[in-house]
PDB file of N, CA and C in Angstrom:
ATOM      1  N   MET A   1     109.344 162.538 137.735  1.00  0.00           N
ATOM      2  CA  MET A   1     108.542 162.418 136.526  1.00  0.00           C
ATOM      3  C   MET A   1     108.169 160.947 136.332  1.00  0.00           C
ATOM      4  N   ALA A   2     106.942 160.696 135.958  1.00  0.00           N
ATOM      5  CA  ALA A   2     106.440 159.329 135.844  1.00  0.00           C
ATOM      6  C   ALA A   2     106.859 158.692 134.528  1.00  0.00           C
ATOM      7  N   ASN A   3     107.069 157.380 134.577  1.00  0.00           N
ATOM      8  CA  ASN A   3     107.396 156.657 133.360  1.00  0.00           C
ATOM      9  C   ASN A   3     106.184 156.498 132.462  1.00  0.00           C
ATOM     10  N   ILE A   4     105.021 156.257 133.065  1.00  0.00           N
ATOM     11  CA  ILE A   4     103.805 156.018 132.297  1.00  0.00           C
ATOM     12  C   ILE A   4     102.765 157.048 132.695  1.00  0.00           C
ATOM     13  N   LYS A   5     102.143 157.661 131.696  1.00  0.00           N
ATOM     14  CA  LYS A   5     101.147 158.701 131.924  1.00  0.00           C
ATOM     15  C   LYS A   5      99.849 158.345 131.211  1.00  0.00           C
ATOM     16  N   LYS A   6      98.791 159.070 131.548  1.00  0.00           N
ATOM     17  CA  LYS A   6      97.504 158.883 130.898  1.00  0.00           C
ATOM     18  C   LYS A   6      97.639 159.182 129.409  1.00  0.00           C
ATOM     19  N   GLY A   7      97.088 158.300 128.577  1.00  0.00           N
ATOM     20  CA  GLY A   7      97.135 158.488 127.140  1.00  0.00           C
ATOM     21  C   GLY A   7      98.269 157.757 126.448  1.00  0.00           C
ATOM     22  N   ASP A   8      99.223 157.196 127.208  1.00  0.00           N
ATOM     23  CA  ASP A   8     100.340 156.456 126.619  1.00  0.00           C
ATOM     24  C   ASP A   8      99.867 155.121 126.062  1.00  0.00           C
ATOM     25  N   LEU A   9     100.557 154.634 125.037  1.00  0.00           N
ATOM     26  CA  LEU A   9     100.325 153.300 124.510  1.00  0.00           C
ATOM     27  C   LEU A   9     101.273 152.357 125.233  1.00  0.00           C
ATOM     28  N   VAL A  10     100.717 151.332 125.903  1.00  0.00           N
ATOM     29  CA  VAL A  10     101.530 150.392 126.674  1.00  0.00           C
ATOM     30  C   VAL A  10     101.202 148.969 126.250  1.00  0.00           C
ATOM     31  N   GLN A  11     102.106 148.052 126.611  1.00  0.00           N
ATOM     32  CA  GLN A  11     101.912 146.626 126.339  1.00  0.00           C
ATOM     33  C   GLN A  11     102.069 145.865 127.637  1.00  0.00           C
ATOM     34  N   VAL A  12     101.193 144.865 127.847  1.00  0.00           N
ATOM     35  CA  VAL A  12     101.267 144.025 129.040  1.00  0.00           C
ATOM     36  C   VAL A  12     102.408 143.041 128.840  1.00  0.00           C
ATOM     37  N   ILE A  13     103.332 142.966 129.822  1.00  0.00           N
ATOM     38  CA  ILE A  13     104.522 142.129 129.660  1.00  0.00           C
ATOM     39  C   ILE A  13     104.534 140.932 130.602  1.00  0.00           C
ATOM     40  N   THR A  14     103.533 140.783 131.473  1.00  0.00           N
ATOM     41  CA  THR A  14     103.484 139.654 132.385  1.00  0.00           C
ATOM     42  C   THR A  14     102.098 139.028 132.358  1.00  0.00           C
ATOM     43  N   GLY A  15     101.986 137.849 132.953  1.00  0.00           N
ATOM     44  CA  GLY A  15     100.705 137.162 133.038  1.00  0.00           C
ATOM     45  C   GLY A  15     100.605 136.040 132.023  1.00  0.00           C
ATOM     46  N   ALA A  16      99.419 135.487 131.926  1.00  0.00           N
ATOM     47  CA  ALA A  16      99.178 134.371 131.007  1.00  0.00           C
ATOM     48  C   ALA A  16      99.149 134.876 129.568  1.00  0.00           C
ATOM     49  N   LYS A  17      99.581 134.001 128.651  1.00  0.00           N
ATOM     50  CA  LYS A  17      99.561 134.360 127.234  1.00  0.00           C
ATOM     51  C   LYS A  17      98.126 134.441 126.739  1.00  0.00           C
ATOM     52  N   GLN A  18      97.942 135.079 125.591  1.00  0.00           N
ATOM     53  CA  GLN A  18      96.603 135.284 125.054  1.00  0.00           C
ATOM     54  C   GLN A  18      95.938 133.975 124.661  1.00  0.00           C
ATOM     55  N   ASP A  19      96.724 132.989 124.185  1.00  0.00           N
ATOM     56  CA  ASP A  19      96.117 131.719 123.790  1.00  0.00           C
ATOM     57  C   ASP A  19      95.625 130.911 124.992  1.00  0.00           C
ATOM     58  N   ARG A  20      96.024 131.314 126.203  1.00  0.00           N
ATOM     59  CA  ARG A  20      95.550 130.665 127.420  1.00  0.00           C
ATOM     60  C   ARG A  20      94.538 131.544 128.166  1.00  0.00           C
ATOM     61  N   GLY A  21      94.049 132.571 127.505  1.00  0.00           N
ATOM     62  CA  GLY A  21      93.032 133.417 128.100  1.00  0.00           C
ATOM     63  C   GLY A  21      93.555 134.614 128.863  1.00  0.00           C
ATOM     64  N   GLY A  22      94.846 134.885 128.771  1.00  0.00           N
ATOM     65  CA  GLY A  22      95.439 135.993 129.503  1.00  0.00           C
ATOM     66  C   GLY A  22      95.559 137.250 128.651  1.00  0.00           C
ATOM     67  N   ASP A  23      96.287 138.219 129.190  1.00  0.00           N
ATOM     68  CA  ASP A  23      96.420 139.511 128.522  1.00  0.00           C
ATOM     69  C   ASP A  23      97.839 139.831 128.081  1.00  0.00           C
ATOM     70  N   ARG A  24      98.814 138.915 128.299  1.00  0.00           N
ATOM     71  CA  ARG A  24     100.196 139.234 127.941  1.00  0.00           C
ATOM     72  C   ARG A  24     100.323 139.464 126.437  1.00  0.00           C
ATOM     73  N   GLY A  25     100.977 140.544 126.075  1.00  0.00           N
ATOM     74  CA  GLY A  25     101.170 140.887 124.676  1.00  0.00           C
ATOM     75  C   GLY A  25     100.158 141.873 124.141  1.00  0.00           C
ATOM     76  N   LYS A  26      99.081 142.100 124.876  1.00  0.00           N
ATOM     77  CA  LYS A  26      98.070 143.058 124.412  1.00  0.00           C
ATOM     78  C   LYS A  26      98.573 144.481 124.579  1.00  0.00           C
ATOM     79  N   GLN A  27      98.208 145.327 123.627  1.00  0.00           N
ATOM     80  CA  GLN A  27      98.554 146.740 123.701  1.00  0.00           C
ATOM     81  C   GLN A  27      97.285 147.549 123.865  1.00  0.00           C
ATOM     82  N   GLY A  28      97.382 148.623 124.628  1.00  0.00           N
ATOM     83  CA  GLY A  28      96.230 149.477 124.836  1.00  0.00           C
ATOM     84  C   GLY A  28      96.650 150.829 125.379  1.00  0.00           C
ATOM     85  N   LYS A  29      95.719 151.761 125.355  1.00  0.00           N
ATOM     86  CA  LYS A  29      95.971 153.113 125.827  1.00  0.00           C
ATOM     87  C   LYS A  29      95.670 153.184 127.316  1.00  0.00           C
ATOM     88  N   VAL A  30      96.483 153.931 128.058  1.00  0.00           N
ATOM     89  CA  VAL A  30      96.271 154.113 129.492  1.00  0.00           C
ATOM     90  C   VAL A  30      95.102 155.068 129.683  1.00  0.00           C
ATOM     91  N   LEU A  31      94.067 154.590 130.372  1.00  0.00           N
ATOM     92  CA  LEU A  31      92.884 155.406 130.630  1.00  0.00           C
ATOM     93  C   LEU A  31      93.018 156.213 131.909  1.00  0.00           C
ATOM     94  N   GLU A  32      93.756 155.644 132.894  1.00  0.00           N
ATOM     95  CA  GLU A  32      93.825 156.288 134.203  1.00  0.00           C
ATOM     96  C   GLU A  32      95.059 155.780 134.943  1.00  0.00           C
ATOM     97  N   VAL A  33      95.697 156.671 135.692  1.00  0.00           N
ATOM     98  CA  VAL A  33      96.801 156.306 136.577  1.00  0.00           C
ATOM     99  C   VAL A  33      96.299 156.484 138.006  1.00  0.00           C
ATOM    100  N   ILE A  34      96.453 155.437 138.837  1.00  0.00           N
ATOM    101  CA  ILE A  34      95.877 155.431 140.182  1.00  0.00           C
ATOM    102  C   ILE A  34      96.988 155.363 141.229  1.00  0.00           C
ATOM    103  N   ASP A  35      96.766 155.974 142.390  1.00  0.00           N
ATOM    104  CA  ASP A  35      97.643 155.904 143.563  1.00  0.00           C
ATOM    105  C   ASP A  35      99.059 156.381 143.275  1.00  0.00           C
ATOM    106  N   GLY A  36      99.189 157.511 142.694  1.00  0.00           N
ATOM    107  CA  GLY A  36     100.503 158.099 142.491  1.00  0.00           C
ATOM    108  C   GLY A  36     101.410 157.313 141.573  1.00  0.00           C
ATOM    109  N   GLY A  37     100.863 156.544 140.678  1.00  0.00           N
ATOM    110  CA  GLY A  37     101.677 155.841 139.697  1.00  0.00           C
ATOM    111  C   GLY A  37     101.880 154.372 139.963  1.00  0.00           C
ATOM    112  N   ASN A  38     101.244 153.792 140.989  1.00  0.00           N
ATOM    113  CA  ASN A  38     101.434 152.377 141.263  1.00  0.00           C
ATOM    114  C   ASN A  38     100.555 151.478 140.407  1.00  0.00           C
ATOM    115  N   ARG A  39      99.398 151.951 140.013  1.00  0.00           N
ATOM    116  CA  ARG A  39      98.479 151.137 139.215  1.00  0.00           C
ATOM    117  C   ARG A  39      97.954 151.951 138.037  1.00  0.00           C
ATOM    118  N   VAL A  40      97.672 151.231 136.943  1.00  0.00           N
ATOM    119  CA  VAL A  40      97.132 151.874 135.752  1.00  0.00           C
ATOM    120  C   VAL A  40      95.942 151.069 135.242  1.00  0.00           C
ATOM    121  N   VAL A  41      95.011 151.764 134.600  1.00  0.00           N
ATOM    122  CA  VAL A  41      93.882 151.126 133.926  1.00  0.00           C
ATOM    123  C   VAL A  41      94.160 151.231 132.436  1.00  0.00           C
ATOM    124  N   VAL A  42      94.215 150.065 131.767  1.00  0.00           N
ATOM    125  CA  VAL A  42      94.566 150.016 130.351  1.00  0.00           C
ATOM    126  C   VAL A  42      93.332 149.599 129.552  1.00  0.00           C
ATOM    127  N   GLU A  43      93.102 150.293 128.452  1.00  0.00           N
ATOM    128  CA  GLU A  43      91.939 150.044 127.616  1.00  0.00           C
ATOM    129  C   GLU A  43      92.008 148.645 127.004  1.00  0.00           C
ATOM    130  N   GLY A  44      90.967 147.825 127.235  1.00  0.00           N
ATOM    131  CA  GLY A  44      90.875 146.492 126.642  1.00  0.00           C
ATOM    132  C   GLY A  44      91.661 145.418 127.354  1.00  0.00           C
ATOM    133  N   VAL A  45      92.162 145.695 128.550  1.00  0.00           N
ATOM    134  CA  VAL A  45      92.999 144.736 129.277  1.00  0.00           C
ATOM    135  C   VAL A  45      92.431 144.531 130.682  1.00  0.00           C
ATOM    136  N   ASN A  46      92.485 143.295 131.185  1.00  0.00           N
ATOM    137  CA  ASN A  46      92.108 142.943 132.557  1.00  0.00           C
ATOM    138  C   ASN A  46      90.641 143.254 132.841  1.00  0.00           C
ATOM    139  N   PHE A  47      89.755 142.684 132.025  1.00  0.00           N
ATOM    140  CA  PHE A  47      88.323 142.876 132.227  1.00  0.00           C
ATOM    141  C   PHE A  47      87.845 142.067 133.427  1.00  0.00           C
ATOM    142  N   ILE A  48      86.982 142.676 134.244  1.00  0.00           N
ATOM    143  CA  ILE A  48      86.345 141.971 135.344  1.00  0.00           C
ATOM    144  C   ILE A  48      84.843 142.166 135.228  1.00  0.00           C
ATOM    145  N   THR A  49      84.106 141.261 135.866  1.00  0.00           N
ATOM    146  CA  THR A  49      82.655 141.313 135.850  1.00  0.00           C
ATOM    147  C   THR A  49      82.174 141.639 137.246  1.00  0.00           C
ATOM    148  N   LYS A  50      81.303 142.623 137.344  1.00  0.00           N
ATOM    149  CA  LYS A  50      80.764 143.032 138.635  1.00  0.00           C
ATOM    150  C   LYS A  50      79.250 142.881 138.595  1.00  0.00           C
ATOM    151  N   HIS A  51      78.708 142.196 139.600  1.00  0.00           N
ATOM    152  CA  HIS A  51      77.265 141.994 139.704  1.00  0.00           C
ATOM    153  C   HIS A  51      76.706 143.031 140.665  1.00  0.00           C
ATOM    154  N   ASN A  52      75.800 143.864 140.179  1.00  0.00           N
ATOM    155  CA  ASN A  52      75.175 144.882 141.002  1.00  0.00           C
ATOM    156  C   ASN A  52      73.743 144.479 141.315  1.00  0.00           C
ATOM    157  N   ARG A  53      73.341 144.738 142.542  1.00  0.00           N
ATOM    158  CA  ARG A  53      71.994 144.390 142.966  1.00  0.00           C
ATOM    159  C   ARG A  53      70.971 145.212 142.190  1.00  0.00           C
ATOM    160  N   VAL A  54      69.883 144.567 141.804  1.00  0.00           N
ATOM    161  CA  VAL A  54      68.835 145.251 141.065  1.00  0.00           C
ATOM    162  C   VAL A  54      68.073 146.151 142.024  1.00  0.00           C
ATOM    163  N   GLY A  55      67.920 147.393 141.623  1.00  0.00           N
ATOM    164  CA  GLY A  55      67.190 148.361 142.434  1.00  0.00           C
ATOM    165  C   GLY A  55      66.263 149.165 141.553  1.00  0.00           C
ATOM    166  N   GLN A  56      65.684 150.185 142.136  1.00  0.00           N
ATOM    167  CA  GLN A  56      64.763 151.022 141.398  1.00  0.00           C
ATOM    168  C   GLN A  56      65.020 152.483 141.756  1.00  0.00           C
ATOM    169  N   THR A  57      65.052 153.331 140.744  1.00  0.00           N
ATOM    170  CA  THR A  57      65.223 154.758 141.000  1.00  0.00           C
ATOM    171  C   THR A  57      63.867 155.361 141.349  1.00  0.00           C
ATOM    172  N   GLN A  58      63.850 156.630 141.679  1.00  0.00           N
ATOM    173  CA  GLN A  58      62.601 157.294 142.027  1.00  0.00           C
ATOM    174  C   GLN A  58      61.672 157.410 140.820  1.00  0.00           C
ATOM    175  N   ARG A  59      62.231 157.405 139.644  1.00  0.00           N
ATOM    176  CA  ARG A  59      61.402 157.484 138.429  1.00  0.00           C
ATOM    177  C   ARG A  59      60.824 156.129 138.051  1.00  0.00           C
ATOM    178  N   GLY A  60      61.339 155.059 138.665  1.00  0.00           N
ATOM    179  CA  GLY A  60      60.803 153.736 138.380  1.00  0.00           C
ATOM    180  C   GLY A  60      61.639 152.901 137.439  1.00  0.00           C
ATOM    181  N   THR A  61      62.785 153.417 136.974  1.00  0.00           N
ATOM    182  CA  THR A  61      63.619 152.625 136.080  1.00  0.00           C
ATOM    183  C   THR A  61      64.465 151.659 136.907  1.00  0.00           C
ATOM    184  N   LYS A  62      64.736 150.522 136.316  1.00  0.00           N
ATOM    185  CA  LYS A  62      65.517 149.492 137.013  1.00  0.00           C
ATOM    186  C   LYS A  62      67.003 149.788 136.867  1.00  0.00           C
ATOM    187  N   THR A  63      67.747 149.527 137.931  1.00  0.00           N
ATOM    188  CA  THR A  63      69.199 149.672 137.907  1.00  0.00           C
ATOM    189  C   THR A  63      69.808 148.332 138.284  1.00  0.00           C
ATOM    190  N   GLY A  64      71.086 148.194 138.050  1.00  0.00           N
ATOM    191  CA  GLY A  64      71.782 146.973 138.440  1.00  0.00           C
ATOM    192  C   GLY A  64      71.999 146.057 137.260  1.00  0.00           C
ATOM    193  N   GLY A  65      72.435 144.840 137.560  1.00  0.00           N
ATOM    194  CA  GLY A  65      72.734 143.861 136.529  1.00  0.00           C
ATOM    195  C   GLY A  65      74.216 143.531 136.534  1.00  0.00           C
ATOM    196  N   ILE A  66      74.692 143.055 135.403  1.00  0.00           N
ATOM    197  CA  ILE A  66      76.086 142.632 135.277  1.00  0.00           C
ATOM    198  C   ILE A  66      76.847 143.667 134.462  1.00  0.00           C
ATOM    199  N   GLU A  67      77.914 144.207 135.039  1.00  0.00           N
ATOM    200  CA  GLU A  67      78.760 145.182 134.358  1.00  0.00           C
ATOM    201  C   GLU A  67      80.129 144.566 134.097  1.00  0.00           C
ATOM    202  N   THR A  68      80.712 144.886 132.958  1.00  0.00           N
ATOM    203  CA  THR A  68      82.068 144.456 132.629  1.00  0.00           C
ATOM    204  C   THR A  68      82.897 145.706 132.376  1.00  0.00           C
ATOM    205  N   PHE A  69      84.047 145.798 133.072  1.00  0.00           N
ATOM    206  CA  PHE A  69      84.910 146.962 132.886  1.00  0.00           C
ATOM    207  C   PHE A  69      86.346 146.581 133.198  1.00  0.00           C
ATOM    208  N   GLU A  70      87.281 147.485 132.839  1.00  0.00           N
ATOM    209  CA  GLU A  70      88.703 147.228 133.039  1.00  0.00           C
ATOM    210  C   GLU A  70      89.079 147.476 134.496  1.00  0.00           C
ATOM    211  N   ALA A  71      89.857 146.568 135.064  1.00  0.00           N
ATOM    212  CA  ALA A  71      90.365 146.727 136.421  1.00  0.00           C
ATOM    213  C   ALA A  71      91.806 147.214 136.340  1.00  0.00           C
ATOM    214  N   PRO A  72      92.286 147.894 137.389  1.00  0.00           N
ATOM    215  CA  PRO A  72      93.669 148.377 137.354  1.00  0.00           C
ATOM    216  C   PRO A  72      94.678 147.240 137.479  1.00  0.00           C
ATOM    217  N   ILE A  73      95.840 147.417 136.848  1.00  0.00           N
ATOM    218  CA  ILE A  73      96.950 146.472 136.993  1.00  0.00           C
ATOM    219  C   ILE A  73      98.173 147.264 137.435  1.00  0.00           C
ATOM    220  N   HIS A  74      99.137 146.556 138.005  1.00  0.00           N
ATOM    221  CA  HIS A  74     100.316 147.229 138.540  1.00  0.00           C
ATOM    222  C   HIS A  74     101.162 147.775 137.404  1.00  0.00           C
ATOM    223  N   VAL A  75     101.779 148.919 137.656  1.00  0.00           N
ATOM    224  CA  VAL A  75     102.545 149.616 136.628  1.00  0.00           C
ATOM    225  C   VAL A  75     103.776 148.812 136.210  1.00  0.00           C
ATOM    226  N   SER A  76     104.265 147.912 137.062  1.00  0.00           N
ATOM    227  CA  SER A  76     105.432 147.106 136.706  1.00  0.00           C
ATOM    228  C   SER A  76     105.092 146.010 135.706  1.00  0.00           C
ATOM    229  N   ASN A  77     103.810 145.761 135.470  1.00  0.00           N
ATOM    230  CA  ASN A  77     103.387 144.721 134.538  1.00  0.00           C
ATOM    231  C   ASN A  77     103.153 145.236 133.128  1.00  0.00           C
ATOM    232  N   VAL A  78     103.405 146.515 132.902  1.00  0.00           N
ATOM    233  CA  VAL A  78     103.244 147.083 131.569  1.00  0.00           C
ATOM    234  C   VAL A  78     104.529 147.795 131.169  1.00  0.00           C
ATOM    235  N   ALA A  79     104.738 147.899 129.859  1.00  0.00           N
ATOM    236  CA  ALA A  79     105.901 148.610 129.329  1.00  0.00           C
ATOM    237  C   ALA A  79     105.427 149.587 128.270  1.00  0.00           C
ATOM    238  N   LEU A  80     106.052 150.749 128.234  1.00  0.00           N
ATOM    239  CA  LEU A  80     105.732 151.759 127.247  1.00  0.00           C
ATOM    240  C   LEU A  80     106.098 151.242 125.855  1.00  0.00           C
ATOM    241  N   VAL A  81     105.255 151.531 124.859  1.00  0.00           N
ATOM    242  CA  VAL A  81     105.501 151.085 123.493  1.00  0.00           C
ATOM    243  C   VAL A  81     106.200 152.204 122.732  1.00  0.00           C
ATOM    244  N   ASP A  82     107.308 151.842 122.067  1.00  0.00           N
ATOM    245  CA  ASP A  82     108.048 152.797 121.247  1.00  0.00           C
ATOM    246  C   ASP A  82     107.188 153.175 120.042  1.00  0.00           C
ATOM    247  N   PRO A  83     106.922 154.467 119.815  1.00  0.00           N
ATOM    248  CA  PRO A  83     106.033 154.851 118.711  1.00  0.00           C
ATOM    249  C   PRO A  83     106.587 154.505 117.329  1.00  0.00           C
ATOM    250  N   GLU A  84     107.898 154.377 117.192  1.00  0.00           N
ATOM    251  CA  GLU A  84     108.481 154.077 115.883  1.00  0.00           C
ATOM    252  C   GLU A  84     108.418 152.590 115.555  1.00  0.00           C
ATOM    253  N   THR A  85     108.836 151.729 116.503  1.00  0.00           N
ATOM    254  CA  THR A  85     108.930 150.295 116.231  1.00  0.00           C
ATOM    255  C   THR A  85     107.711 149.509 116.688  1.00  0.00           C
ATOM    256  N   LYS A  86     106.820 150.122 117.476  1.00  0.00           N
ATOM    257  CA  LYS A  86     105.629 149.476 118.030  1.00  0.00           C
ATOM    258  C   LYS A  86     105.971 148.276 118.902  1.00  0.00           C
ATOM    259  N   LYS A  87     107.156 148.326 119.550  1.00  0.00           N
ATOM    260  CA  LYS A  87     107.584 147.277 120.470  1.00  0.00           C
ATOM    261  C   LYS A  87     107.735 147.868 121.862  1.00  0.00           C
ATOM    262  N   PRO A  88     107.596 147.030 122.910  1.00  0.00           N
ATOM    263  CA  PRO A  88     107.791 147.557 124.269  1.00  0.00           C
ATOM    264  C   PRO A  88     109.232 147.994 124.465  1.00  0.00           C
ATOM    265  N   THR A  89     109.420 149.054 125.227  1.00  0.00           N
ATOM    266  CA  THR A  89     110.749 149.610 125.407  1.00  0.00           C
ATOM    267  C   THR A  89     110.878 150.220 126.792  1.00  0.00           C
ATOM    268  N   ARG A  90     112.085 150.550 127.157  1.00  0.00           N
ATOM    269  CA  ARG A  90     112.324 151.222 128.430  1.00  0.00           C
ATOM    270  C   ARG A  90     112.207 152.724 128.237  1.00  0.00           C
ATOM    271  N   VAL A  91     112.052 153.430 129.355  1.00  0.00           N
ATOM    272  CA  VAL A  91     111.853 154.875 129.306  1.00  0.00           C
ATOM    273  C   VAL A  91     113.082 155.565 129.864  1.00  0.00           C
ATOM    274  N   GLY A  92     113.528 156.597 129.191  1.00  0.00           N
ATOM    275  CA  GLY A  92     114.649 157.389 129.674  1.00  0.00           C
ATOM    276  C   GLY A  92     114.242 158.840 129.804  1.00  0.00           C
ATOM    277  N   PHE A  93     115.089 159.616 130.470  1.00  0.00           N
ATOM    278  CA  PHE A  93     114.844 161.038 130.636  1.00  0.00           C
ATOM    279  C   PHE A  93     116.096 161.786 130.213  1.00  0.00           C
ATOM    280  N   ARG A  94     115.919 162.912 129.583  1.00  0.00           N
ATOM    281  CA  ARG A  94     117.052 163.755 129.226  1.00  0.00           C
ATOM    282  C   ARG A  94     116.686 165.205 129.529  1.00  0.00           C
ATOM    283  N   LEU A  95     117.717 165.998 129.754  1.00  0.00           N
ATOM    284  CA  LEU A  95     117.515 167.410 130.053  1.00  0.00           C
ATOM    285  C   LEU A  95     117.541 168.212 128.762  1.00  0.00           C
ATOM    286  N   GLU A  96     116.542 169.044 128.576  1.00  0.00           N
ATOM    287  CA  GLU A  96     116.491 169.918 127.407  1.00  0.00           C
ATOM    288  C   GLU A  96     116.230 171.338 127.867  1.00  0.00           C
ATOM    289  N   GLU A  97     116.709 172.267 127.083  1.00  0.00           N
ATOM    290  CA  GLU A  97     116.507 173.674 127.409  1.00  0.00           C
ATOM    291  C   GLU A  97     115.348 174.208 126.587  1.00  0.00           C
ATOM    292  N   GLN A  98     114.434 174.887 127.254  1.00  0.00           N
ATOM    293  CA  GLN A  98     113.327 175.529 126.582  1.00  0.00           C
ATOM    294  C   GLN A  98     113.460 177.029 126.750  1.00  0.00           C
ATOM    295  N   VAL A  99     113.160 177.749 125.681  1.00  0.00           N
ATOM    296  CA  VAL A  99     113.182 179.204 125.750  1.00  0.00           C
ATOM    297  C   VAL A  99     111.741 179.685 125.666  1.00  0.00           C
ATOM    298  N   LYS A 100     111.308 180.338 126.733  1.00  0.00           N
ATOM    299  CA  LYS A 100     109.932 180.828 126.787  1.00  0.00           C
ATOM    300  C   LYS A 100     109.973 182.284 127.236  1.00  0.00           C
ATOM    301  N   ASP A 101     109.512 183.156 126.406  1.00  0.00           N
ATOM    302  CA  ASP A 101     109.506 184.600 126.693  1.00  0.00           C
ATOM    303  C   ASP A 101     110.907 185.124 127.012  1.00  0.00           C
ATOM    304  N   GLY A 102     111.903 184.597 126.305  1.00  0.00           N
ATOM    305  CA  GLY A 102     113.273 185.056 126.506  1.00  0.00           C
ATOM    306  C   GLY A 102     113.957 184.471 127.720  1.00  0.00           C
ATOM    307  N   VAL A 103     113.318 183.539 128.431  1.00  0.00           N
ATOM    308  CA  VAL A 103     113.900 182.936 129.633  1.00  0.00           C
ATOM    309  C   VAL A 103     114.241 181.485 129.332  1.00  0.00           C
ATOM    310  N   LYS A 104     115.492 181.104 129.596  1.00  0.00           N
ATOM    311  CA  LYS A 104     115.905 179.722 129.413  1.00  0.00           C
ATOM    312  C   LYS A 104     115.512 178.913 130.634  1.00  0.00           C
ATOM    313  N   LYS A 105     114.995 177.709 130.388  1.00  0.00           N
ATOM    314  CA  LYS A 105     114.585 176.837 131.483  1.00  0.00           C
ATOM    315  C   LYS A 105     114.972 175.412 131.121  1.00  0.00           C
ATOM    316  N   THR A 106     115.588 174.691 132.044  1.00  0.00           N
ATOM    317  CA  THR A 106     115.967 173.311 131.822  1.00  0.00           C
ATOM    318  C   THR A 106     114.853 172.413 132.345  1.00  0.00           C
ATOM    319  N   VAL A 107     114.357 171.518 131.466  1.00  0.00           N
ATOM    320  CA  VAL A 107     113.275 170.614 131.845  1.00  0.00           C
ATOM    321  C   VAL A 107     113.668 169.180 131.505  1.00  0.00           C
ATOM    322  N   ARG A 108     113.079 168.232 132.270  1.00  0.00           N
ATOM    323  CA  ARG A 108     113.289 166.823 131.964  1.00  0.00           C
ATOM    324  C   ARG A 108     112.253 166.386 130.949  1.00  0.00           C
ATOM    325  N   VAL A 109     112.705 165.670 129.918  1.00  0.00           N
ATOM    326  CA  VAL A 109     111.832 165.197 128.862  1.00  0.00           C
ATOM    327  C   VAL A 109     111.913 163.681 128.813  1.00  0.00           C
ATOM    328  N   ARG A 110     110.753 163.038 128.718  1.00  0.00           N
ATOM    329  CA  ARG A 110     110.676 161.581 128.655  1.00  0.00           C
ATOM    330  C   ARG A 110     110.856 161.127 127.214  1.00  0.00           C
ATOM    331  N   TYR A 111     111.586 160.026 126.994  1.00  0.00           N
ATOM    332  CA  TYR A 111     111.738 159.501 125.649  1.00  0.00           C
ATOM    333  C   TYR A 111     111.850 157.985 125.712  1.00  0.00           C
ATOM    334  N   ALA A 112     111.505 157.318 124.606  1.00  0.00           N
ATOM    335  CA  ALA A 112     111.589 155.858 124.517  1.00  0.00           C
ATOM    336  C   ALA A 112     112.990 155.489 124.065  1.00  0.00           C
ATOM    337  N   LYS A 113     113.638 154.609 124.834  1.00  0.00           N
ATOM    338  CA  LYS A 113     114.974 154.151 124.454  1.00  0.00           C
ATOM    339  C   LYS A 113     114.845 153.195 123.274  1.00  0.00           C
ATOM    340  N   LYS A 114     115.939 152.929 122.589  1.00  0.00           N
ATOM    341  CA  LYS A 114     115.919 152.023 121.459  1.00  0.00           C
ATOM    342  C   LYS A 114     115.604 150.613 121.933  1.00  0.00           C
ATOM    343  N   SER A 115     114.664 149.970 121.252  1.00  0.00           N
ATOM    344  CA  SER A 115     114.260 148.613 121.643  1.00  0.00           C
ATOM    345  C   SER A 115     114.844 147.626 120.650  1.00  0.00           C
ATOM    346  N   GLY A 116     115.854 146.896 121.099  1.00  0.00           N
ATOM    347  CA  GLY A 116     116.482 145.890 120.240  1.00  0.00           C
ATOM    348  C   GLY A 116     115.659 144.629 120.197  1.00  0.00           C
ATOM    349  N   LYS A 117     115.350 144.073 121.373  1.00  0.00           N
ATOM    350  CA  LYS A 117     114.544 142.873 121.479  1.00  0.00           C
ATOM    351  C   LYS A 117     113.294 143.182 122.269  1.00  0.00           C
ATOM    352  N   ASP A 118     112.362 142.256 122.261  1.00  0.00           N
ATOM    353  CA  ASP A 118     111.186 142.404 123.109  1.00  0.00           C
ATOM    354  C   ASP A 118     111.595 142.222 124.551  1.00  0.00           C
ATOM    355  N   ILE A 119     110.978 142.985 125.428  1.00  0.00           N
ATOM    356  CA  ILE A 119     111.278 142.884 126.857  1.00  0.00           C
ATOM    357  C   ILE A 119     110.560 141.680 127.419  1.00  0.00           C
TER     358      ILE A 119
END
């Protein structure tokens, strides 16, 4: 089971501080998980600029120009945010029993551990 999934709120824990133009300390929602969990795309973090060659479609409209979008960052550089304290925290798993149609099933459930200090 993955520690970080699409839709989770995460915080960047490495890199340059925000006052120096970096992304450390920023929080954002995970838009995409890439390569089996090694990289994640976080909303509003790690913007890059891509220059596309100007072209023309068959209808005559121009394409290309400068695009800005989020680039993926490594999953070890982000930490899950505890929904109660809004601080970065570690992730734990516990076994819970679910009853579905009269059948008991043991499943692993992800939960945020208690965050005493910032990571």
